[in-house]
Protein backbone atom coordinates (compact mmCIF):
# COMPACT_ATOMS: atom_id res chain seq x y z
CA UNK A 1 0.06 0.13 0.02
CA UNK A 2 1.18 3.21 -0.67
CA UNK A 3 0.10 6.45 0.25
CA UNK A 4 2.38 9.69 1.10
CA UNK A 5 4.64 9.54 3.20
CA UNK A 6 4.49 5.52 2.79
CA UNK A 7 9.03 5.52 2.64
CA UNK A 8 9.40 6.74 6.51
CA UNK A 9 8.48 4.43 9.25
CA UNK A 10 6.12 5.95 11.75
CA UNK A 11 4.37 8.73 13.12
CA UNK A 12 5.59 11.41 14.49
CA UNK A 13 7.00 11.24 18.00
CA UNK A 14 6.29 15.34 18.47
CA UNK A 15 2.63 13.75 19.55
CA UNK A 16 2.10 13.69 22.63
CA UNK A 17 -1.49 11.85 24.45
CA UNK A 18 -3.01 13.26 28.27
CA UNK A 19 -3.06 10.92 30.65
CA UNK A 20 -6.30 9.04 30.15
CA UNK A 21 -9.76 9.00 32.73
CA UNK A 22 -12.95 6.97 32.19
CA UNK A 23 -14.96 10.35 32.27
CA UNK A 24 -17.68 11.13 29.58
CA UNK A 25 -17.66 13.96 28.14
CA UNK A 26 -20.67 15.39 25.92
CA UNK A 27 -17.89 17.99 23.50
CA UNK A 28 -20.31 19.07 21.29
CA UNK A 29 -23.91 20.20 21.14
CA UNK A 30 -24.47 19.70 17.74
CA UNK A 31 -24.32 16.35 16.07
CA UNK A 32 -21.01 15.83 15.03
CA UNK A 33 -21.05 12.65 12.38
CA UNK A 34 -17.68 10.38 12.37
CA UNK A 35 -16.24 12.25 14.88
CA UNK A 36 -12.35 11.96 15.37
CA UNK A 37 -10.05 13.64 17.44
CA UNK A 38 -5.82 13.95 17.94
CA UNK A 39 -4.72 15.68 20.83
CA UNK A 40 -1.32 17.15 19.58
CA UNK A 41 1.25 19.57 21.68
CA UNK A 42 -1.70 20.72 24.33
CA UNK A 43 -4.64 21.17 21.91
CA UNK A 44 -7.42 19.22 20.26
CA UNK A 45 -8.66 18.52 17.32
CA UNK A 46 -11.25 17.24 15.83
CA UNK A 47 -13.04 16.73 12.08
CA UNK A 48 -16.24 14.95 11.80
CA UNK A 49 -18.58 14.06 8.40
CA UNK A 50 -20.14 17.91 6.93
CA UNK A 51 -20.66 16.53 3.91
CA UNK A 52 -19.19 18.27 1.16
CA UNK A 53 -15.69 19.48 2.75
CA UNK A 54 -13.11 19.29 5.74
CA UNK A 55 -13.28 20.81 8.67
CA UNK A 56 -11.32 20.89 11.37
CA UNK A 57 -12.08 22.22 14.97
CA UNK A 58 -9.22 23.16 17.51
CA UNK A 59 -9.22 24.00 20.83
CA UNK A 60 -7.06 23.88 23.91
CA UNK A 61 -9.55 22.07 26.34
CA UNK A 62 -12.72 18.75 25.43
CA UNK A 63 -14.69 20.89 28.28
CA UNK A 64 -17.65 22.84 26.19
CA UNK A 65 -15.12 21.99 22.94
CA UNK A 66 -17.60 23.57 20.69
CA UNK A 67 -18.72 26.75 22.61
CA UNK A 68 -14.06 26.73 23.11
CA UNK A 69 -12.98 25.94 19.18
CA UNK A 70 -11.87 27.61 16.34
CA UNK A 71 -13.64 26.35 13.22
CA UNK A 72 -12.59 26.27 9.79
CA UNK A 73 -13.12 24.41 6.63
CA UNK A 74 -9.43 23.27 5.88
CA UNK A 75 -10.33 22.43 2.21
CA UNK A 76 -13.46 21.84 -0.05
CA UNK A 77 -13.24 19.36 -3.27
CA UNK A 78 -14.14 21.37 -6.83
CA UNK A 79 -17.24 19.81 -8.98
CA UNK A 80 -17.47 16.83 -11.38
CA UNK A 81 -14.32 15.45 -9.91
CA UNK A 82 -15.05 11.45 -8.43
CA UNK A 83 -14.33 13.10 -5.03
CA UNK A 84 -17.00 15.98 -5.44
CA UNK A 85 -19.64 14.01 -2.74
CA UNK A 86 -20.47 12.99 0.30
CA UNK A 87 -17.09 13.18 2.05
CA UNK A 88 -16.96 10.62 5.28
CA UNK A 89 -15.06 10.33 8.01
CA UNK A 90 -12.05 12.38 7.58
CA UNK A 91 -9.70 11.97 9.38
CA UNK A 92 -6.73 14.61 10.80
CA UNK A 93 -2.74 12.42 10.75
CA UNK A 94 0.08 13.85 11.33
CA UNK A 95 2.75 11.98 9.74
CA UNK A 96 6.05 12.35 8.53
CA UNK A 97 6.53 15.26 10.10
CA UNK A 98 3.10 16.17 7.61
CA UNK A 99 -0.44 16.69 7.96
CA UNK A 100 -3.53 14.30 6.37
CA UNK A 101 -6.37 13.76 6.17
CA UNK A 102 -7.83 10.47 5.01
CA UNK A 103 -11.60 10.75 3.51
CA UNK A 104 -13.73 8.48 2.05
CA UNK A 105 -15.46 10.75 -1.54
CA UNK A 106 -17.78 9.70 -3.84
CA UNK A 107 -18.57 11.39 -7.58
CA UNK A 108 -21.75 12.52 -7.38
CA UNK A 109 -22.74 11.36 -10.50
CA UNK A 110 -22.76 7.75 -9.30
CA UNK A 111 -23.34 8.25 -5.64
CA UNK A 112 -23.14 5.98 -2.52
CA UNK A 113 -21.57 3.14 -4.80
CA UNK A 114 -18.93 5.15 -5.74
CA UNK A 115 -17.29 5.70 -2.27
CA UNK A 116 -13.78 5.87 -2.29
CA UNK A 117 -10.50 7.21 -0.40
CA UNK A 118 -8.66 9.75 -0.53
CA UNK A 119 -6.24 12.28 0.94
CA UNK A 120 -5.84 15.65 1.41
CA UNK A 121 -2.18 17.29 2.64
CA UNK A 122 -1.93 20.13 4.21
CA UNK A 123 1.00 22.03 6.20
CA UNK A 124 4.41 21.01 8.32
CA UNK A 125 3.57 19.07 10.89
CA UNK A 126 5.04 21.89 13.42
CA UNK A 127 2.30 24.56 11.64
CA UNK A 128 -1.38 24.59 12.40
CA UNK A 129 -3.56 22.56 10.68
CA UNK A 130 -6.08 25.19 10.85
CA UNK A 131 -4.49 26.85 7.88
CA UNK A 132 -6.88 26.47 4.99
CA UNK A 133 -3.90 28.58 1.99
CA UNK A 134 -1.79 24.99 3.44
CA UNK A 135 -4.38 22.16 2.08
CA UNK A 136 -3.57 20.54 -1.25
CA UNK A 137 -5.47 17.54 -2.51
CA UNK A 138 -2.94 14.49 -2.94
CA UNK A 139 -4.95 12.40 -4.36
CA UNK A 140 -6.43 9.49 -4.40
CA UNK A 141 -5.06 6.33 -2.45
CA UNK A 142 -2.80 3.72 -3.85
CA UNK A 143 -3.32 0.11 -4.12
CA UNK A 144 -6.10 -0.65 -2.98
CA UNK A 145 -8.63 -2.26 -5.42
CA UNK A 146 -9.69 0.33 -8.42
CA UNK A 147 -13.49 -1.00 -8.01
CA UNK A 148 -14.13 -1.70 -4.37
CA UNK A 149 -16.51 0.23 -2.30
CA UNK A 150 -14.31 2.14 0.80
CA UNK A 151 -15.83 4.22 3.49
CA UNK A 152 -13.91 5.25 7.25
CA UNK A 153 -10.63 4.11 6.39
CA UNK A 154 -7.81 5.19 9.60
CA UNK A 155 -3.34 4.66 9.55
CA UNK A 156 -2.19 3.13 12.21
CA UNK A 157 1.52 1.75 12.83
CA UNK A 158 2.52 -1.72 12.94
CA UNK A 159 5.76 -2.80 12.93
CA UNK A 160 8.21 0.35 12.27
CA UNK A 161 5.26 0.70 9.30
CA UNK A 162 2.54 2.64 8.28
CA UNK A 163 -0.87 0.23 8.04
CA UNK A 164 -4.36 1.47 5.78
CA UNK A 165 -7.48 -0.13 7.51
CA UNK A 166 -10.98 0.56 6.35
CA UNK A 167 -14.92 -0.72 5.69
CA UNK A 168 -15.46 -2.87 2.60
CA UNK A 169 -17.77 -4.40 0.44
CA UNK A 170 -15.88 -7.90 -0.09
CA UNK A 171 -13.12 -8.19 -2.50
CA UNK A 172 -14.08 -8.96 -6.23
CA UNK A 173 -17.33 -7.46 -5.85
CA UNK A 174 -18.29 -5.26 -7.99
CA UNK A 175 -20.05 -2.10 -6.96
CA UNK A 176 -22.81 -2.51 -9.10
CA UNK A 177 -23.54 -6.17 -7.87
CA UNK A 178 -24.98 -5.62 -3.39
CA UNK A 179 -27.96 -2.94 -4.70
CA UNK A 180 -28.57 -0.05 -3.07
CA UNK A 181 -28.71 0.52 0.62
CA UNK A 182 -31.84 1.76 0.18
CA UNK A 183 -33.26 -1.17 -0.57
CA UNK A 184 -34.76 -4.38 1.01
CA UNK A 185 -33.59 -6.74 -1.09
CA UNK A 186 -30.01 -5.20 -0.97
CA UNK A 187 -29.99 -6.34 2.60
CA UNK A 188 -29.66 -10.23 4.35
CA UNK A 189 -29.88 -10.61 8.02
CA UNK A 190 -26.64 -11.64 9.67
CA UNK A 191 -26.36 -15.36 11.13
CA UNK A 192 -24.93 -13.63 14.98
CA UNK A 193 -23.96 -10.44 16.17
CA UNK A 194 -20.89 -9.08 15.44
CA UNK A 195 -20.00 -8.58 19.36
CA UNK A 196 -20.44 -10.51 22.16
CA UNK A 197 -19.88 -8.41 25.99
CA UNK A 198 -18.09 -10.62 27.79
CA UNK A 199 -19.68 -10.87 30.70
CA UNK A 200 -22.47 -13.71 30.18
CA UNK A 201 -25.89 -11.65 31.84
CA UNK A 202 -23.96 -8.62 29.24
CA UNK A 203 -27.10 -9.14 25.75
CA UNK A 204 -25.34 -8.68 22.79
CA UNK A 205 -24.12 -5.87 21.03
CA UNK A 206 -24.65 -4.30 17.48
CA UNK A 207 -21.69 -3.25 14.95
CA UNK A 208 -20.02 -0.04 15.37
CA UNK A 209 -16.68 1.46 13.45
CA UNK A 210 -12.88 0.05 13.67
CA UNK A 211 -10.77 0.73 15.06
CA UNK A 212 -7.19 -1.68 15.04
CA UNK A 213 -4.71 -1.07 18.09
CA UNK A 214 -1.52 -2.41 19.61
CA UNK A 215 -3.01 -3.82 23.45
CA UNK A 216 -0.19 -4.44 25.22
CA UNK A 217 2.86 -1.77 23.77
CA UNK A 218 4.94 -2.41 20.65
CA UNK A 219 5.61 -6.35 19.59
CA UNK A 220 2.05 -7.37 21.54
CA UNK A 221 -0.42 -8.73 20.40
CA UNK A 222 -2.64 -7.00 17.90
CA UNK A 223 -6.72 -6.55 18.10
CA UNK A 224 -8.89 -4.87 16.65
CA UNK A 225 -11.33 -3.22 18.39
CA UNK A 226 -14.63 -2.46 17.86
CA UNK A 227 -16.63 1.02 18.96
CA UNK A 228 -19.83 -1.11 19.37
CA UNK A 229 -23.43 -0.16 20.52
CA UNK A 230 -25.86 -2.36 23.38
CA UNK A 231 -28.13 -4.20 21.25
CA UNK A 232 -30.49 -6.12 23.28
CA UNK A 233 -33.05 -6.86 20.27
CA UNK A 234 -30.42 -9.49 18.91
CA UNK A 235 -31.28 -12.88 20.03
CA UNK A 236 -29.11 -14.59 22.46
CA UNK A 237 -28.77 -18.16 20.52
CA UNK A 238 -27.02 -16.37 17.67
CA UNK A 239 -24.60 -15.58 19.25
CA UNK A 240 -21.25 -16.41 17.98
CA UNK A 241 -18.62 -17.73 19.81
CA UNK A 242 -16.24 -15.12 20.22
CA UNK A 243 -15.69 -13.00 23.14
CA UNK A 244 -14.85 -8.85 23.58
CA UNK A 245 -10.78 -9.73 24.14
CA UNK A 246 -10.16 -11.85 21.70
CA UNK A 247 -6.76 -11.38 21.01
CA UNK A 248 -4.56 -10.58 18.23
CA UNK A 249 -1.09 -12.21 16.29
CA UNK A 250 2.08 -11.66 18.56
CA UNK A 251 4.60 -9.39 18.08
CA UNK A 252 5.94 -10.86 14.65
CA UNK A 253 3.49 -12.24 13.23
CA UNK A 254 1.39 -11.33 10.43
CA UNK A 255 -1.31 -9.35 11.15
CA UNK A 256 -3.49 -10.10 7.88
CA UNK A 257 -3.10 -13.69 8.91
CA UNK A 258 -6.31 -15.24 10.28
CA UNK A 259 -4.04 -18.43 12.26
CA UNK A 260 -2.21 -15.78 14.45
CA UNK A 261 -5.53 -14.34 16.01
CA UNK A 262 -6.68 -16.03 18.84
CA UNK A 263 -9.67 -15.76 21.89
CA UNK A 264 -7.85 -13.67 24.66
CA UNK A 265 -9.21 -12.87 28.07
CA UNK A 266 -11.68 -10.23 29.85
CA UNK A 267 -12.31 -7.48 27.48
CA UNK A 268 -14.94 -4.32 28.44
CA UNK A 269 -18.23 -4.30 28.36
CA UNK A 270 -18.85 -0.97 26.60
CA UNK A 271 -15.82 -1.57 23.94
CA UNK A 272 -15.76 -5.14 21.82
CA UNK A 273 -13.05 -6.53 21.01
CA UNK A 274 -12.69 -9.21 17.55
CA UNK A 275 -9.35 -10.66 15.67
């Protein structure tokens, strides 16, 4: 997989994360779908789905974040391009001394079935990413199947390199074979929930966005951690033999090898983990 900065390993070391706490904050009053928040040099940056542009909010605290935040549209696509419509789930990343935003977008002539992943490049990561004059279109993400539907992409550091994780239709499935999302005939019921809670006395969980993370530092097992919501409507007898806390491959194993994954122990009640 190649994309801007691909040949230089790792993410910028200057991104310092605050100490963890488990307080739950409502940081905006308005709806902000697909939010992504990072903290860099004491400033919190948030991107989210606006639809027709890339917008970044920035503030020095998550308390009353929306009221305190500077808000800037840093990039807007030109019309009649394959990336002009339905900009979804943008994510701001500092990679190799430069800011990048990864996002999904469509060709307005073809709608949702044309969703693919794209990248815009911004100023050096030592500069303010809200400077809209410094952003430019970098291109479509390379190395992915040209006809594969793709959304919700994110970049992670893994074994000294970078990996790209995204949601997409199965390889080999063409966009025009999957129907329209509003057509009942395009849907089929899954035989089991995607994630089951770690405790037997809690109901199954429904799907959520996924992130691929290291749960024990460099060289440790990798996990696919999903933000899931509880769904009591899912029947208990449809729960698969998979619990929150499934562990990924040990350090050095290939993350894309199915045989390298096994079931772990425990897991959070509000967050499913699957490998």
